[in-house]
Amino acid sequence: MNKNHVEGPAPADIAGQVQRQTYTLEEARKIVGVSRSLAYELARANKFPGARRLGGRFVVSRVALDAWLSGGEAA
């Protein structure tokens, strides 16, 4: 069995299209409405909701960011 294989269906939107589970930091910072420099500063300080370093770049969890924006807990 391939270690990278995930069992079960991928999350889908109402149109049946597979939803992305992450945003780039650039996409997420536009959603939040902060500058590029502030987004990277917050991400490096582990204070950008849902941001994680993946190799040499940051990815942002869609679920964590959506929860934070709706007043839920930031991951």
N, C-alpha and C. Protein backbone atom coordinates (compact mmCIF):
# COMPACT_ATOMS: atom_id res chain seq x y z
N MET A 1 0.84 -1.19 0.00
CA MET A 1 0.00 0.00 0.00
C MET A 1 0.88 1.24 0.00
N ASN A 2 0.53 2.20 -0.79
CA ASN A 2 1.25 3.45 -0.89
C ASN A 2 1.02 4.28 0.36
N LYS A 3 2.08 4.74 1.02
CA LYS A 3 1.95 5.53 2.24
C LYS A 3 1.27 6.87 1.99
N ASN A 4 1.35 7.38 0.77
CA ASN A 4 0.75 8.67 0.45
C ASN A 4 -0.72 8.57 0.08
N HIS A 5 -1.22 7.36 -0.05
CA HIS A 5 -2.61 7.17 -0.43
C HIS A 5 -3.52 7.38 0.77
N VAL A 6 -4.57 8.17 0.58
CA VAL A 6 -5.54 8.42 1.64
C VAL A 6 -6.82 7.70 1.26
N GLU A 7 -7.32 6.88 2.17
CA GLU A 7 -8.55 6.14 1.91
C GLU A 7 -9.76 7.05 2.02
N GLY A 8 -10.78 6.74 1.28
CA GLY A 8 -12.03 7.47 1.36
C GLY A 8 -12.12 8.56 0.32
N PRO A 9 -13.32 9.12 0.18
CA PRO A 9 -13.53 10.15 -0.83
C PRO A 9 -12.89 11.48 -0.42
N ALA A 10 -12.50 12.25 -1.40
CA ALA A 10 -11.97 13.59 -1.15
C ALA A 10 -13.14 14.52 -0.86
N PRO A 11 -12.94 15.50 0.01
CA PRO A 11 -14.01 16.47 0.26
C PRO A 11 -14.42 17.15 -1.05
N ALA A 12 -15.70 17.36 -1.22
CA ALA A 12 -16.19 17.97 -2.46
C ALA A 12 -17.17 19.09 -2.14
N ASP A 13 -17.23 20.07 -3.01
CA ASP A 13 -18.20 21.14 -2.83
C ASP A 13 -19.53 20.69 -3.42
N ILE A 14 -20.52 21.56 -3.41
CA ILE A 14 -21.85 21.17 -3.86
C ILE A 14 -21.90 20.87 -5.35
N ALA A 15 -20.94 21.36 -6.12
CA ALA A 15 -20.92 21.07 -7.55
C ALA A 15 -20.20 19.75 -7.83
N GLY A 16 -19.72 19.08 -6.78
CA GLY A 16 -19.04 17.81 -6.95
C GLY A 16 -17.55 17.94 -7.24
N GLN A 17 -17.04 19.15 -7.23
CA GLN A 17 -15.62 19.37 -7.47
C GLN A 17 -14.84 19.17 -6.17
N VAL A 18 -13.64 18.63 -6.27
CA VAL A 18 -12.80 18.43 -5.10
C VAL A 18 -12.32 19.79 -4.59
N GLN A 19 -12.49 20.01 -3.30
CA GLN A 19 -12.06 21.26 -2.68
C GLN A 19 -10.59 21.15 -2.26
N ARG A 20 -9.86 22.22 -2.46
CA ARG A 20 -8.50 22.30 -1.95
C ARG A 20 -8.56 22.40 -0.43
N GLN A 21 -7.63 21.78 0.23
CA GLN A 21 -7.60 21.81 1.68
C GLN A 21 -6.65 22.88 2.22
N THR A 22 -5.86 23.47 1.33
CA THR A 22 -4.92 24.51 1.76
C THR A 22 -4.96 25.68 0.79
N TYR A 23 -4.53 26.82 1.32
CA TYR A 23 -4.30 28.01 0.52
C TYR A 23 -2.81 28.29 0.53
N THR A 24 -2.34 29.03 -0.46
CA THR A 24 -1.00 29.58 -0.34
C THR A 24 -1.10 30.73 0.66
N LEU A 25 0.02 31.14 1.22
CA LEU A 25 -0.01 32.26 2.15
C LEU A 25 -0.49 33.52 1.44
N GLU A 26 -0.14 33.66 0.17
CA GLU A 26 -0.59 34.81 -0.62
C GLU A 26 -2.12 34.83 -0.74
N GLU A 27 -2.72 33.68 -1.04
CA GLU A 27 -4.18 33.60 -1.13
C GLU A 27 -4.83 33.90 0.22
N ALA A 28 -4.28 33.31 1.27
CA ALA A 28 -4.85 33.48 2.61
C ALA A 28 -4.74 34.92 3.09
N ARG A 29 -3.62 35.56 2.80
CA ARG A 29 -3.46 36.95 3.26
C ARG A 29 -4.43 37.88 2.56
N LYS A 30 -4.77 37.59 1.31
CA LYS A 30 -5.77 38.38 0.59
C LYS A 30 -7.16 38.18 1.20
N ILE A 31 -7.46 36.95 1.59
CA ILE A 31 -8.74 36.65 2.23
C ILE A 31 -8.86 37.41 3.55
N VAL A 32 -7.78 37.41 4.32
CA VAL A 32 -7.77 38.07 5.63
C VAL A 32 -7.69 39.58 5.48
N GLY A 33 -7.01 40.04 4.44
CA GLY A 33 -6.91 41.46 4.19
C GLY A 33 -5.71 42.12 4.84
N VAL A 34 -4.59 41.40 4.88
CA VAL A 34 -3.36 41.97 5.43
C VAL A 34 -2.30 42.04 4.34
N SER A 35 -1.27 42.84 4.62
CA SER A 35 -0.19 42.99 3.64
C SER A 35 0.64 41.72 3.56
N ARG A 36 1.37 41.60 2.48
CA ARG A 36 2.25 40.45 2.27
C ARG A 36 3.29 40.37 3.39
N SER A 37 3.90 41.51 3.72
CA SER A 37 4.95 41.50 4.75
C SER A 37 4.38 41.11 6.11
N LEU A 38 3.19 41.59 6.46
CA LEU A 38 2.58 41.21 7.73
C LEU A 38 2.22 39.74 7.75
N ALA A 39 1.70 39.23 6.65
CA ALA A 39 1.35 37.80 6.58
C ALA A 39 2.57 36.93 6.84
N TYR A 40 3.69 37.24 6.20
CA TYR A 40 4.89 36.45 6.40
C TYR A 40 5.45 36.61 7.81
N GLU A 41 5.36 37.82 8.35
CA GLU A 41 5.81 38.05 9.72
C GLU A 41 4.99 37.21 10.71
N LEU A 42 3.68 37.21 10.54
CA LEU A 42 2.81 36.42 11.40
C LEU A 42 3.04 34.92 11.22
N ALA A 43 3.21 34.49 9.98
CA ALA A 43 3.43 33.06 9.72
C ALA A 43 4.74 32.60 10.37
N ARG A 44 5.80 33.40 10.24
CA ARG A 44 7.09 33.02 10.85
C ARG A 44 6.99 32.95 12.37
N ALA A 45 6.12 33.78 12.95
CA ALA A 45 5.93 33.80 14.40
C ALA A 45 4.86 32.81 14.87
N ASN A 46 4.38 31.97 13.95
CA ASN A 46 3.31 31.00 14.24
C ASN A 46 2.04 31.67 14.74
N LYS A 47 1.72 32.84 14.19
CA LYS A 47 0.53 33.58 14.60
C LYS A 47 -0.46 33.80 13.47
N PHE A 48 -0.18 33.25 12.29
CA PHE A 48 -1.14 33.33 11.18
C PHE A 48 -2.01 32.07 11.27
N PRO A 49 -3.33 32.22 11.41
CA PRO A 49 -4.21 31.06 11.62
C PRO A 49 -4.06 29.98 10.56
N GLY A 50 -3.70 28.79 10.99
CA GLY A 50 -3.61 27.65 10.10
C GLY A 50 -2.36 27.56 9.26
N ALA A 51 -1.41 28.50 9.42
CA ALA A 51 -0.19 28.50 8.59
C ALA A 51 0.83 27.50 9.11
N ARG A 52 1.39 26.74 8.20
CA ARG A 52 2.43 25.76 8.52
C ARG A 52 3.49 25.83 7.44
N ARG A 53 4.74 25.67 7.83
CA ARG A 53 5.82 25.64 6.86
C ARG A 53 5.86 24.25 6.23
N LEU A 54 5.94 24.23 4.94
CA LEU A 54 6.04 22.99 4.19
C LEU A 54 7.22 23.15 3.24
N GLY A 55 8.34 22.56 3.62
CA GLY A 55 9.56 22.79 2.86
C GLY A 55 9.95 24.25 3.01
N GLY A 56 10.15 24.92 1.90
CA GLY A 56 10.55 26.32 1.94
C GLY A 56 9.40 27.30 1.80
N ARG A 57 8.17 26.84 1.93
CA ARG A 57 7.03 27.73 1.75
C ARG A 57 6.00 27.50 2.86
N PHE A 58 5.05 28.40 2.93
CA PHE A 58 3.96 28.26 3.89
C PHE A 58 2.71 27.81 3.17
N VAL A 59 1.95 26.95 3.82
CA VAL A 59 0.60 26.60 3.38
C VAL A 59 -0.33 26.93 4.54
N VAL A 60 -1.58 27.22 4.22
CA VAL A 60 -2.55 27.60 5.24
C VAL A 60 -3.74 26.66 5.14
N SER A 61 -4.08 26.04 6.25
CA SER A 61 -5.23 25.14 6.31
C SER A 61 -6.51 25.92 6.07
N ARG A 62 -7.26 25.50 5.08
CA ARG A 62 -8.55 26.14 4.78
C ARG A 62 -9.49 26.03 5.97
N VAL A 63 -9.55 24.87 6.59
CA VAL A 63 -10.45 24.64 7.71
C VAL A 63 -10.08 25.53 8.90
N ALA A 64 -8.78 25.60 9.22
CA ALA A 64 -8.35 26.43 10.35
C ALA A 64 -8.59 27.90 10.09
N LEU A 65 -8.32 28.36 8.88
CA LEU A 65 -8.53 29.76 8.55
C LEU A 65 -10.03 30.09 8.58
N ASP A 66 -10.85 29.23 8.01
CA ASP A 66 -12.30 29.46 8.02
C ASP A 66 -12.83 29.49 9.45
N ALA A 67 -12.34 28.60 10.32
CA ALA A 67 -12.78 28.58 11.72
C ALA A 67 -12.38 29.87 12.42
N TRP A 68 -11.16 30.33 12.18
CA TRP A 68 -10.70 31.57 12.80
C TRP A 68 -11.53 32.76 12.33
N LEU A 69 -11.81 32.81 11.04
CA LEU A 69 -12.58 33.91 10.48
C LEU A 69 -14.02 33.93 11.02
N SER A 70 -14.55 32.77 11.35
CA SER A 70 -15.91 32.70 11.86
C SER A 70 -15.95 32.82 13.38
N GLY A 71 -14.81 33.11 13.98
CA GLY A 71 -14.78 33.31 15.43
C GLY A 71 -14.45 32.06 16.22
N GLY A 72 -14.12 30.99 15.52
CA GLY A 72 -13.74 29.75 16.18
C GLY A 72 -12.30 29.80 16.61
N GLU A 73 -11.80 28.66 17.01
CA GLU A 73 -10.42 28.55 17.50
C GLU A 73 -9.45 28.54 16.35
N ALA A 74 -8.36 29.28 16.48
CA ALA A 74 -7.28 29.27 15.47
C ALA A 74 -6.40 28.07 15.72
N ALA A 75 -6.03 27.37 14.65
CA ALA A 75 -5.18 26.19 14.80
C ALA A 75 -3.74 26.55 14.71
